[in-house]
């Protein structure tokens, strides 16, 4: 057995040495590519990086693409070390890519949708949006999914294809939002008195923007009340707290002004013939 191994080594020693050298070199390239890819991603996401001047929405994509490019280049180096014809391989990969693309069309559509989101930028990281029914703050946009954080702390990963394929409401982008505070007063109350209360509240609330100016109006005539409305604008950061505070103030101020916020009411009329029929049935 020892003689056979010696003969095998004498006949193939050069090939074994070359293969071993290539394997060691390939392993070194793999380790180096992993370290370089991590370093590149870390550099892109570094808070002191000049790339931070770019919209934060693009950083996860740039980080991922840079990492993939490092791995692809490393793979080509390894194939070249083992004497693989990379030109033929690229042609083969193109044909295989077509077949894989047909099989993974939904995944590729998510990538295409992610690219469209990054190019047209209907929202960016940090915006509060309603994207095809998903409501929350945008945490990240990557090649396949958009990550949201909801107001109740949920983590939602929505496919880019779904996000791009529906309506997108961006509550943050314009910097300000309109609120509609509606309250019902009794039909017996004076509408002018009710509107005066709303005007006084709007004039005393510093968080409301002067332009567009607050407006008060009769919103509708309901079944049980006359609905009056305060329509005003505020910056995004003050929106919800202002809405909550104004709802409280409107209710208290309406009551202090002697106006009534009525309960839903129904008036029931019983026809005389129907009452007579009920009496006859009782007698029987």
C-alpha atoms as a PDB file:
ATOM      1  CA  UNK A   1       0.000   0.000   0.000  1.00  0.00           C
ATOM      2  CA  UNK A   2       2.829   2.329   0.891  1.00  0.00           C
ATOM      3  CA  UNK A   3       4.505   1.636  -2.446  1.00  0.00           C
ATOM      4  CA  UNK A   4       1.295   2.406  -4.324  1.00  0.00           C
ATOM      5  CA  UNK A   5       0.897   5.739  -2.539  1.00  0.00           C
ATOM      6  CA  UNK A   6       4.516   6.575  -3.300  1.00  0.00           C
ATOM      7  CA  UNK A   7       4.027   5.763  -6.984  1.00  0.00           C
ATOM      8  CA  UNK A   8       0.794   7.806  -7.052  1.00  0.00           C
ATOM      9  CA  UNK A   9       2.561  10.745  -5.472  1.00  0.00           C
ATOM     10  CA  UNK A  10       5.477  10.534  -7.924  1.00  0.00           C
ATOM     11  CA  UNK A  11       3.089  10.449 -10.875  1.00  0.00           C
ATOM     12  CA  UNK A  12       0.652  13.166  -9.672  1.00  0.00           C
ATOM     13  CA  UNK A  13       2.647  15.238  -7.211  1.00  0.00           C
ATOM     14  CA  UNK A  14       2.695  18.295  -9.462  1.00  0.00           C
ATOM     15  CA  UNK A  15      -1.070  18.148 -10.013  1.00  0.00           C
ATOM     16  CA  UNK A  16      -1.739  17.670  -6.300  1.00  0.00           C
ATOM     17  CA  UNK A  17       0.538  20.557  -5.389  1.00  0.00           C
ATOM     18  CA  UNK A  18      -1.134  22.810  -7.949  1.00  0.00           C
ATOM     19  CA  UNK A  19      -4.616  21.809  -6.789  1.00  0.00           C
ATOM     20  CA  UNK A  20      -3.686  22.321  -3.156  1.00  0.00           C
ATOM     21  CA  UNK A  21      -2.213  25.712  -3.924  1.00  0.00           C
ATOM     22  CA  UNK A  22      -5.345  26.703  -5.848  1.00  0.00           C
ATOM     23  CA  UNK A  23      -7.611  25.517  -3.015  1.00  0.00           C
ATOM     24  CA  UNK A  24      -5.650  27.485  -0.451  1.00  0.00           C
ATOM     25  CA  UNK A  25      -5.720  30.547  -2.713  1.00  0.00           C
ATOM     26  CA  UNK A  26      -9.461  30.134  -3.297  1.00  0.00           C
ATOM     27  CA  UNK A  27     -10.075  29.807   0.444  1.00  0.00           C
ATOM     28  CA  UNK A  28      -8.027  32.951   1.035  1.00  0.00           C
ATOM     29  CA  UNK A  29     -10.097  34.811  -1.583  1.00  0.00           C
ATOM     30  CA  UNK A  30     -13.351  33.650   0.045  1.00  0.00           C
ATOM     31  CA  UNK A  31     -12.210  34.830   3.485  1.00  0.00           C
ATOM     32  CA  UNK A  32     -10.946  38.104   2.048  1.00  0.00           C
ATOM     33  CA  UNK A  33     -14.206  38.709   0.128  1.00  0.00           C
ATOM     34  CA  UNK A  34     -16.281  38.158   3.280  1.00  0.00           C
ATOM     35  CA  UNK A  35     -14.139  40.609   5.243  1.00  0.00           C
ATOM     36  CA  UNK A  36     -14.108  43.165   2.428  1.00  0.00           C
ATOM     37  CA  UNK A  37     -17.893  42.891   1.917  1.00  0.00           C
ATOM     38  CA  UNK A  38     -18.528  43.463   5.624  1.00  0.00           C
ATOM     39  CA  UNK A  39     -16.113  46.397   5.683  1.00  0.00           C
ATOM     40  CA  UNK A  40     -17.743  47.984   2.633  1.00  0.00           C
ATOM     41  CA  UNK A  41     -21.237  47.607   4.123  1.00  0.00           C
ATOM     42  CA  UNK A  42     -20.048  49.016   7.429  1.00  0.00           C
ATOM     43  CA  UNK A  43     -18.380  51.949   5.677  1.00  0.00           C
ATOM     44  CA  UNK A  44     -21.541  52.778   3.722  1.00  0.00           C
ATOM     45  CA  UNK A  45     -23.711  52.650   6.848  1.00  0.00           C
ATOM     46  CA  UNK A  46     -21.180  54.482   9.020  1.00  0.00           C
ATOM     47  CA  UNK A  47     -22.721  57.601  10.555  1.00  0.00           C
ATOM     48  CA  UNK A  48     -19.585  59.609   9.648  1.00  0.00           C
ATOM     49  CA  UNK A  49     -19.502  58.401   6.060  1.00  0.00           C
ATOM     50  CA  UNK A  50     -19.838  61.035   3.281  1.00  0.00           C
ATOM     51  CA  UNK A  51     -22.578  58.772   1.876  1.00  0.00           C
ATOM     52  CA  UNK A  52     -24.787  59.842   4.785  1.00  0.00           C
ATOM     53  CA  UNK A  53     -25.468  62.967   2.730  1.00  0.00           C
ATOM     54  CA  UNK A  54     -27.436  60.673   0.429  1.00  0.00           C
ATOM     55  CA  UNK A  55     -31.027  59.946   1.375  1.00  0.00           C
ATOM     56  CA  UNK A  56     -31.090  57.241   4.078  1.00  0.00           C
ATOM     57  CA  UNK A  57     -33.559  55.341   1.899  1.00  0.00           C
ATOM     58  CA  UNK A  58     -30.755  54.413  -0.521  1.00  0.00           C
ATOM     59  CA  UNK A  59     -28.189  53.232   2.012  1.00  0.00           C
ATOM     60  CA  UNK A  60     -29.566  49.683   2.579  1.00  0.00           C
ATOM     61  CA  UNK A  61     -29.705  49.120  -1.203  1.00  0.00           C
ATOM     62  CA  UNK A  62     -26.207  50.495  -1.750  1.00  0.00           C
ATOM     63  CA  UNK A  63     -24.917  48.339   1.084  1.00  0.00           C
ATOM     64  CA  UNK A  64     -26.504  45.165  -0.320  1.00  0.00           C
ATOM     65  CA  UNK A  65     -25.408  45.824  -3.907  1.00  0.00           C
ATOM     66  CA  UNK A  66     -21.827  46.590  -2.815  1.00  0.00           C
ATOM     67  CA  UNK A  67     -21.679  43.326  -0.869  1.00  0.00           C
ATOM     68  CA  UNK A  68     -22.993  41.302  -3.819  1.00  0.00           C
ATOM     69  CA  UNK A  69     -20.477  42.930  -6.183  1.00  0.00           C
ATOM     70  CA  UNK A  70     -17.601  41.942  -3.912  1.00  0.00           C
ATOM     71  CA  UNK A  71     -18.810  38.321  -3.854  1.00  0.00           C
ATOM     72  CA  UNK A  72     -19.298  38.231  -7.639  1.00  0.00           C
ATOM     73  CA  UNK A  73     -15.792  39.561  -8.279  1.00  0.00           C
ATOM     74  CA  UNK A  74     -14.361  37.042  -5.808  1.00  0.00           C
ATOM     75  CA  UNK A  75     -16.266  34.230  -7.544  1.00  0.00           C
ATOM     76  CA  UNK A  76     -14.830  35.224 -10.933  1.00  0.00           C
ATOM     77  CA  UNK A  77     -11.293  35.228  -9.486  1.00  0.00           C
ATOM     78  CA  UNK A  78     -11.804  31.731  -8.039  1.00  0.00           C
ATOM     79  CA  UNK A  79     -13.167  30.385 -11.319  1.00  0.00           C
ATOM     80  CA  UNK A  80     -10.214  31.872 -13.182  1.00  0.00           C
ATOM     81  CA  UNK A  81      -7.807  30.198 -10.744  1.00  0.00           C
ATOM     82  CA  UNK A  82      -9.271  26.803 -11.596  1.00  0.00           C
ATOM     83  CA  UNK A  83      -9.081  27.514 -15.327  1.00  0.00           C
ATOM     84  CA  UNK A  84     -12.784  27.913 -15.973  1.00  0.00           C
ATOM     85  CA  UNK A  85     -13.623  29.864 -19.124  1.00  0.00           C
ATOM     86  CA  UNK A  86     -15.518  32.756 -17.564  1.00  0.00           C
ATOM     87  CA  UNK A  87     -16.750  34.072 -20.939  1.00  0.00           C
ATOM     88  CA  UNK A  88     -18.585  30.828 -21.648  1.00  0.00           C
ATOM     89  CA  UNK A  89     -19.776  30.708 -18.077  1.00  0.00           C
ATOM     90  CA  UNK A  90     -21.289  34.187 -18.348  1.00  0.00           C
ATOM     91  CA  UNK A  91     -23.200  33.116 -21.465  1.00  0.00           C
ATOM     92  CA  UNK A  92     -24.393  30.006 -19.659  1.00  0.00           C
ATOM     93  CA  UNK A  93     -25.409  32.080 -16.656  1.00  0.00           C
ATOM     94  CA  UNK A  94     -27.375  34.382 -18.955  1.00  0.00           C
ATOM     95  CA  UNK A  95     -29.394  31.461 -20.286  1.00  0.00           C
ATOM     96  CA  UNK A  96     -29.853  30.062 -16.798  1.00  0.00           C
ATOM     97  CA  UNK A  97     -30.813  33.506 -15.562  1.00  0.00           C
ATOM     98  CA  UNK A  98     -33.630  33.670 -18.090  1.00  0.00           C
ATOM     99  CA  UNK A  99     -35.032  30.362 -16.878  1.00  0.00           C
ATOM    100  CA  UNK A 100     -34.623  31.338 -13.251  1.00  0.00           C
ATOM    101  CA  UNK A 101     -36.237  34.714 -13.982  1.00  0.00           C
ATOM    102  CA  UNK A 102     -39.344  33.017 -15.347  1.00  0.00           C
ATOM    103  CA  UNK A 103     -39.504  30.762 -12.303  1.00  0.00           C
ATOM    104  CA  UNK A 104     -38.965  33.630  -9.857  1.00  0.00           C
ATOM    105  CA  UNK A 105     -40.993  36.317 -11.617  1.00  0.00           C
ATOM    106  CA  UNK A 106     -42.708  37.380  -8.393  1.00  0.00           C
ATOM    107  CA  UNK A 107     -39.376  37.836  -6.640  1.00  0.00           C
ATOM    108  CA  UNK A 108     -37.980  39.777  -9.588  1.00  0.00           C
ATOM    109  CA  UNK A 109     -41.099  41.938  -9.663  1.00  0.00           C
ATOM    110  CA  UNK A 110     -40.389  42.840  -6.038  1.00  0.00           C
ATOM    111  CA  UNK A 111     -36.855  43.871  -7.011  1.00  0.00           C
ATOM    112  CA  UNK A 112     -38.189  45.955  -9.915  1.00  0.00           C
ATOM    113  CA  UNK A 113     -40.761  47.552  -7.609  1.00  0.00           C
ATOM    114  CA  UNK A 114     -38.032  48.316  -5.068  1.00  0.00           C
ATOM    115  CA  UNK A 115     -35.989  50.048  -7.767  1.00  0.00           C
ATOM    116  CA  UNK A 116     -39.040  52.109  -8.790  1.00  0.00           C
ATOM    117  CA  UNK A 117     -39.634  53.098  -5.168  1.00  0.00           C
ATOM    118  CA  UNK A 118     -36.042  54.272  -4.915  1.00  0.00           C
ATOM    119  CA  UNK A 119     -36.149  56.181  -8.214  1.00  0.00           C
ATOM    120  CA  UNK A 120     -39.530  57.897  -7.824  1.00  0.00           C
ATOM    121  CA  UNK A 121     -39.315  58.080  -4.010  1.00  0.00           C
ATOM    122  CA  UNK A 122     -42.980  58.398  -2.984  1.00  0.00           C
ATOM    123  CA  UNK A 123     -41.658  58.054   0.568  1.00  0.00           C
ATOM    124  CA  UNK A 124     -38.358  57.821   2.424  1.00  0.00           C
ATOM    125  CA  UNK A 125     -37.129  56.283   5.656  1.00  0.00           C
ATOM    126  CA  UNK A 126     -38.915  57.890   8.598  1.00  0.00           C
ATOM    127  CA  UNK A 127     -42.085  58.868   6.701  1.00  0.00           C
ATOM    128  CA  UNK A 128     -45.462  57.825   8.097  1.00  0.00           C
ATOM    129  CA  UNK A 129     -47.462  56.270   5.260  1.00  0.00           C
ATOM    130  CA  UNK A 130     -50.408  54.127   4.287  1.00  0.00           C
ATOM    131  CA  UNK A 131     -49.011  51.819   1.599  1.00  0.00           C
ATOM    132  CA  UNK A 132     -51.630  49.493   0.150  1.00  0.00           C
ATOM    133  CA  UNK A 133     -53.326  49.167   3.531  1.00  0.00           C
ATOM    134  CA  UNK A 134     -50.132  48.915   5.619  1.00  0.00           C
ATOM    135  CA  UNK A 135     -49.978  51.921   7.943  1.00  0.00           C
ATOM    136  CA  UNK A 136     -46.767  52.775   9.773  1.00  0.00           C
ATOM    137  CA  UNK A 137     -43.392  54.500   9.717  1.00  0.00           C
ATOM    138  CA  UNK A 138     -40.937  53.382   7.037  1.00  0.00           C
ATOM    139  CA  UNK A 139     -37.893  51.764   8.668  1.00  0.00           C
ATOM    140  CA  UNK A 140     -36.071  50.389   5.622  1.00  0.00           C
ATOM    141  CA  UNK A 141     -36.410  49.784   1.890  1.00  0.00           C
ATOM    142  CA  UNK A 142     -34.378  46.872   0.549  1.00  0.00           C
ATOM    143  CA  UNK A 143     -34.323  44.935  -2.704  1.00  0.00           C
ATOM    144  CA  UNK A 144     -37.249  42.686  -1.824  1.00  0.00           C
ATOM    145  CA  UNK A 145     -39.305  44.224   0.975  1.00  0.00           C
ATOM    146  CA  UNK A 146     -40.207  47.482   2.662  1.00  0.00           C
ATOM    147  CA  UNK A 147     -40.017  47.399   6.467  1.00  0.00           C
ATOM    148  CA  UNK A 148     -42.638  49.274   8.502  1.00  0.00           C
ATOM    149  CA  UNK A 149     -43.019  49.972  12.195  1.00  0.00           C
ATOM    150  CA  UNK A 150     -46.622  50.526  13.266  1.00  0.00           C
ATOM    151  CA  UNK A 151     -47.868  52.824  16.020  1.00  0.00           C
ATOM    152  CA  UNK A 152     -48.421  49.828  18.284  1.00  0.00           C
ATOM    153  CA  UNK A 153     -44.825  48.655  17.808  1.00  0.00           C
ATOM    154  CA  UNK A 154     -45.357  45.898  15.225  1.00  0.00           C
ATOM    155  CA  UNK A 155     -42.701  44.942  12.676  1.00  0.00           C
ATOM    156  CA  UNK A 156     -44.174  44.521   9.180  1.00  0.00           C
ATOM    157  CA  UNK A 157     -42.209  43.401   6.126  1.00  0.00           C
ATOM    158  CA  UNK A 158     -44.294  44.068   3.014  1.00  0.00           C
ATOM    159  CA  UNK A 159     -43.217  42.868  -0.471  1.00  0.00           C
ATOM    160  CA  UNK A 160     -42.183  45.783  -2.675  1.00  0.00           C
ATOM    161  CA  UNK A 161     -44.531  44.586  -5.406  1.00  0.00           C
ATOM    162  CA  UNK A 162     -47.524  44.998  -3.098  1.00  0.00           C
ATOM    163  CA  UNK A 163     -46.373  48.412  -1.882  1.00  0.00           C
ATOM    164  CA  UNK A 164     -45.756  49.712  -5.394  1.00  0.00           C
ATOM    165  CA  UNK A 165     -48.912  48.107  -6.819  1.00  0.00           C
ATOM    166  CA  UNK A 166     -51.377  50.088  -4.678  1.00  0.00           C
ATOM    167  CA  UNK A 167     -52.131  53.610  -3.524  1.00  0.00           C
ATOM    168  CA  UNK A 168     -49.526  55.255  -1.296  1.00  0.00           C
ATOM    169  CA  UNK A 169     -50.615  57.921   1.187  1.00  0.00           C
ATOM    170  CA  UNK A 170     -47.711  59.850   2.645  1.00  0.00           C
ATOM    171  CA  UNK A 171     -48.800  61.705   5.785  1.00  0.00           C
ATOM    172  CA  UNK A 172     -45.346  63.225   6.371  1.00  0.00           C
ATOM    173  CA  UNK A 173     -44.209  64.557   3.025  1.00  0.00           C
ATOM    174  CA  UNK A 174     -46.062  67.903   2.926  1.00  0.00           C
ATOM    175  CA  UNK A 175     -45.011  68.835   6.452  1.00  0.00           C
ATOM    176  CA  UNK A 176     -48.518  69.765   7.643  1.00  0.00           C
ATOM    177  CA  UNK A 177     -51.937  68.150   7.985  1.00  0.00           C
ATOM    178  CA  UNK A 178     -55.538  69.293   8.230  1.00  0.00           C
ATOM    179  CA  UNK A 179     -57.798  68.307  11.084  1.00  0.00           C
ATOM    180  CA  UNK A 180     -61.585  68.306  11.070  1.00  0.00           C
ATOM    181  CA  UNK A 181     -63.169  68.677  14.519  1.00  0.00           C
ATOM    182  CA  UNK A 182     -66.919  67.994  14.269  1.00  0.00           C
ATOM    183  CA  UNK A 183     -69.446  68.419  17.072  1.00  0.00           C
ATOM    184  CA  UNK A 184     -73.233  68.174  17.029  1.00  0.00           C
ATOM    185  CA  UNK A 185     -75.474  70.764  18.706  1.00  0.00           C
ATOM    186  CA  UNK A 186     -79.192  70.653  19.326  1.00  0.00           C
ATOM    187  CA  UNK A 187     -81.659  71.952  16.734  1.00  0.00           C
ATOM    188  CA  UNK A 188     -82.922  74.295  19.463  1.00  0.00           C
ATOM    189  CA  UNK A 189     -79.491  75.913  19.870  1.00  0.00           C
ATOM    190  CA  UNK A 190     -78.200  78.920  17.935  1.00  0.00           C
ATOM    191  CA  UNK A 191     -75.857  77.905  15.132  1.00  0.00           C
ATOM    192  CA  UNK A 192     -74.085  81.271  15.354  1.00  0.00           C
ATOM    193  CA  UNK A 193     -73.349  80.677  19.043  1.00  0.00           C
ATOM    194  CA  UNK A 194     -71.865  77.285  18.222  1.00  0.00           C
ATOM    195  CA  UNK A 195     -69.686  78.716  15.435  1.00  0.00           C
ATOM    196  CA  UNK A 196     -68.551  81.502  17.758  1.00  0.00           C
ATOM    197  CA  UNK A 197     -67.311  78.911  20.271  1.00  0.00           C
ATOM    198  CA  UNK A 198     -65.268  77.170  17.587  1.00  0.00           C
ATOM    199  CA  UNK A 199     -63.805  80.473  16.365  1.00  0.00           C
ATOM    200  CA  UNK A 200     -62.695  81.394  19.882  1.00  0.00           C
ATOM    201  CA  UNK A 201     -61.033  77.995  20.330  1.00  0.00           C
ATOM    202  CA  UNK A 202     -59.196  78.344  16.998  1.00  0.00           C
ATOM    203  CA  UNK A 203     -58.025  81.863  17.869  1.00  0.00           C
ATOM    204  CA  UNK A 204     -56.604  80.745  21.228  1.00  0.00           C
ATOM    205  CA  UNK A 205     -54.810  77.630  19.968  1.00  0.00           C
ATOM    206  CA  UNK A 206     -51.190  78.534  19.150  1.00  0.00           C
ATOM    207  CA  UNK A 207     -50.416  75.212  17.437  1.00  0.00           C
ATOM    208  CA  UNK A 208     -52.813  75.933  14.569  1.00  0.00           C
ATOM    209  CA  UNK A 209     -51.191  77.433  11.481  1.00  0.00           C
ATOM    210  CA  UNK A 210     -52.276  80.925  10.392  1.00  0.00           C
ATOM    211  CA  UNK A 211     -52.083  79.856   6.761  1.00  0.00           C
ATOM    212  CA  UNK A 212     -54.250  78.163   5.613  1.00  0.00           C
ATOM    213  CA  UNK A 213     -56.460  80.005   8.108  1.00  0.00           C
ATOM    214  CA  UNK A 214     -58.799  77.988  10.361  1.00  0.00           C
ATOM    215  CA  UNK A 215     -62.408  77.828   9.197  1.00  0.00           C
ATOM    216  CA  UNK A 216     -65.682  77.064  10.952  1.00  0.00           C
ATOM    217  CA  UNK A 217     -68.791  75.907   9.132  1.00  0.00           C
ATOM    218  CA  UNK A 218     -71.987  73.913   9.298  1.00  0.00           C
ATOM    219  CA  UNK A 219     -70.795  70.490   8.191  1.00  0.00           C
ATOM    220  CA  UNK A 220     -74.190  68.796   7.875  1.00  0.00           C
ATOM    221  CA  UNK A 221     -77.730  68.571   9.201  1.00  0.00           C
ATOM    222  CA  UNK A 222     -77.937  65.231  10.957  1.00  0.00           C
ATOM    223  CA  UNK A 223     -80.931  63.236  12.149  1.00  0.00           C
ATOM    224  CA  UNK A 224     -80.509  64.352  15.751  1.00  0.00           C
ATOM    225  CA  UNK A 225     -78.157  67.358  15.602  1.00  0.00           C
ATOM    226  CA  UNK A 226     -76.696  70.180  13.574  1.00  0.00           C
ATOM    227  CA  UNK A 227     -73.051  69.193  12.993  1.00  0.00           C
ATOM    228  CA  UNK A 228     -70.667  72.146  13.097  1.00  0.00           C
ATOM    229  CA  UNK A 229     -66.997  71.824  12.187  1.00  0.00           C
ATOM    230  CA  UNK A 230     -63.627  73.414  12.906  1.00  0.00           C
ATOM    231  CA  UNK A 231     -61.205  72.867  10.030  1.00  0.00           C
ATOM    232  CA  UNK A 232     -57.594  73.834  10.721  1.00  0.00           C
ATOM    233  CA  UNK A 233     -53.996  72.958   9.857  1.00  0.00           C
ATOM    234  CA  UNK A 234     -50.992  72.129  11.998  1.00  0.00           C
ATOM    235  CA  UNK A 235     -47.465  70.761  11.505  1.00  0.00           C
ATOM    236  CA  UNK A 236     -47.055  67.002  11.507  1.00  0.00           C
ATOM    237  CA  UNK A 237     -45.330  66.851  14.873  1.00  0.00           C
ATOM    238  CA  UNK A 238     -48.255  68.561  16.639  1.00  0.00           C
ATOM    239  CA  UNK A 239     -51.082  66.900  14.732  1.00  0.00           C
ATOM    240  CA  UNK A 240     -52.355  64.107  16.992  1.00  0.00           C
ATOM    241  CA  UNK A 241     -51.865  65.885  20.304  1.00  0.00           C
ATOM    242  CA  UNK A 242     -53.664  68.941  18.919  1.00  0.00           C
ATOM    243  CA  UNK A 243     -56.576  66.800  17.680  1.00  0.00           C
ATOM    244  CA  UNK A 244     -56.946  65.139  21.083  1.00  0.00           C
ATOM    245  CA  UNK A 245     -56.724  68.440  22.961  1.00  0.00           C
ATOM    246  CA  UNK A 246     -59.186  70.231  20.677  1.00  0.00           C
ATOM    247  CA  UNK A 247     -61.779  67.472  20.923  1.00  0.00           C
ATOM    248  CA  UNK A 248     -61.678  67.855  24.698  1.00  0.00           C
ATOM    249  CA  UNK A 249     -61.810  71.655  24.574  1.00  0.00           C
ATOM    250  CA  UNK A 250     -64.671  71.714  22.065  1.00  0.00           C
ATOM    251  CA  UNK A 251     -66.822  69.444  24.206  1.00  0.00           C
ATOM    252  CA  UNK A 252     -66.171  71.464  27.364  1.00  0.00           C
ATOM    253  CA  UNK A 253     -66.581  74.867  25.647  1.00  0.00           C
ATOM    254  CA  UNK A 254     -69.847  73.903  23.966  1.00  0.00           C
ATOM    255  CA  UNK A 255     -71.308  72.900  27.319  1.00  0.00           C
ATOM    256  CA  UNK A 256     -69.973  76.037  29.075  1.00  0.00           C
ATOM    257  CA  UNK A 257     -71.671  78.179  26.422  1.00  0.00           C
ATOM    258  CA  UNK A 258     -75.009  76.620  27.371  1.00  0.00           C
ATOM    259  CA  UNK A 259     -75.308  74.612  24.167  1.00  0.00           C
ATOM    260  CA  UNK A 260     -76.423  71.001  24.097  1.00  0.00           C
ATOM    261  CA  UNK A 261     -74.708  68.032  22.499  1.00  0.00           C
ATOM    262  CA  UNK A 262     -77.766  65.834  21.872  1.00  0.00           C
ATOM    263  CA  UNK A 263     -78.027  62.079  21.985  1.00  0.00           C
ATOM    264  CA  UNK A 264     -79.331  60.292  18.879  1.00  0.00           C
ATOM    265  CA  UNK A 265     -83.136  60.575  18.947  1.00  0.00           C
ATOM    266  CA  UNK A 266     -86.092  58.908  17.259  1.00  0.00           C
ATOM    267  CA  UNK A 267     -89.659  60.205  17.253  1.00  0.00           C
ATOM    268  CA  UNK A 268     -92.253  57.456  17.097  1.00  0.00           C
ATOM    269  CA  UNK A 269     -95.728  58.265  15.736  1.00  0.00           C
ATOM    270  CA  UNK A 270     -98.524  55.694  16.192  1.00  0.00           C
ATOM    271  CA  UNK A 271    -101.416  56.092  13.798  1.00  0.00           C
ATOM    272  CA  UNK A 272    -104.914  56.098  15.354  1.00  0.00           C
ATOM    273  CA  UNK A 273    -106.015  53.156  13.201  1.00  0.00           C
ATOM    274  CA  UNK A 274    -103.022  51.128  14.357  1.00  0.00           C
ATOM    275  CA  UNK A 275    -103.784  51.927  18.009  1.00  0.00           C
ATOM    276  CA  UNK A 276    -107.386  50.793  17.536  1.00  0.00           C
ATOM    277  CA  UNK A 277    -106.215  47.534  15.983  1.00  0.00           C
ATOM    278  CA  UNK A 278    -103.931  46.878  18.933  1.00  0.00           C
ATOM    279  CA  UNK A 279    -106.862  47.487  21.353  1.00  0.00           C
ATOM    280  CA  UNK A 280    -109.136  45.058  19.464  1.00  0.00           C
ATOM    281  CA  UNK A 281    -106.462  42.370  19.550  1.00  0.00           C
ATOM    282  CA  UNK A 282    -106.105  42.774  23.303  1.00  0.00           C
ATOM    283  CA  UNK A 283    -109.901  42.407  23.799  1.00  0.00           C
ATOM    284  CA  UNK A 284    -109.942  39.197  21.779  1.00  0.00           C
END
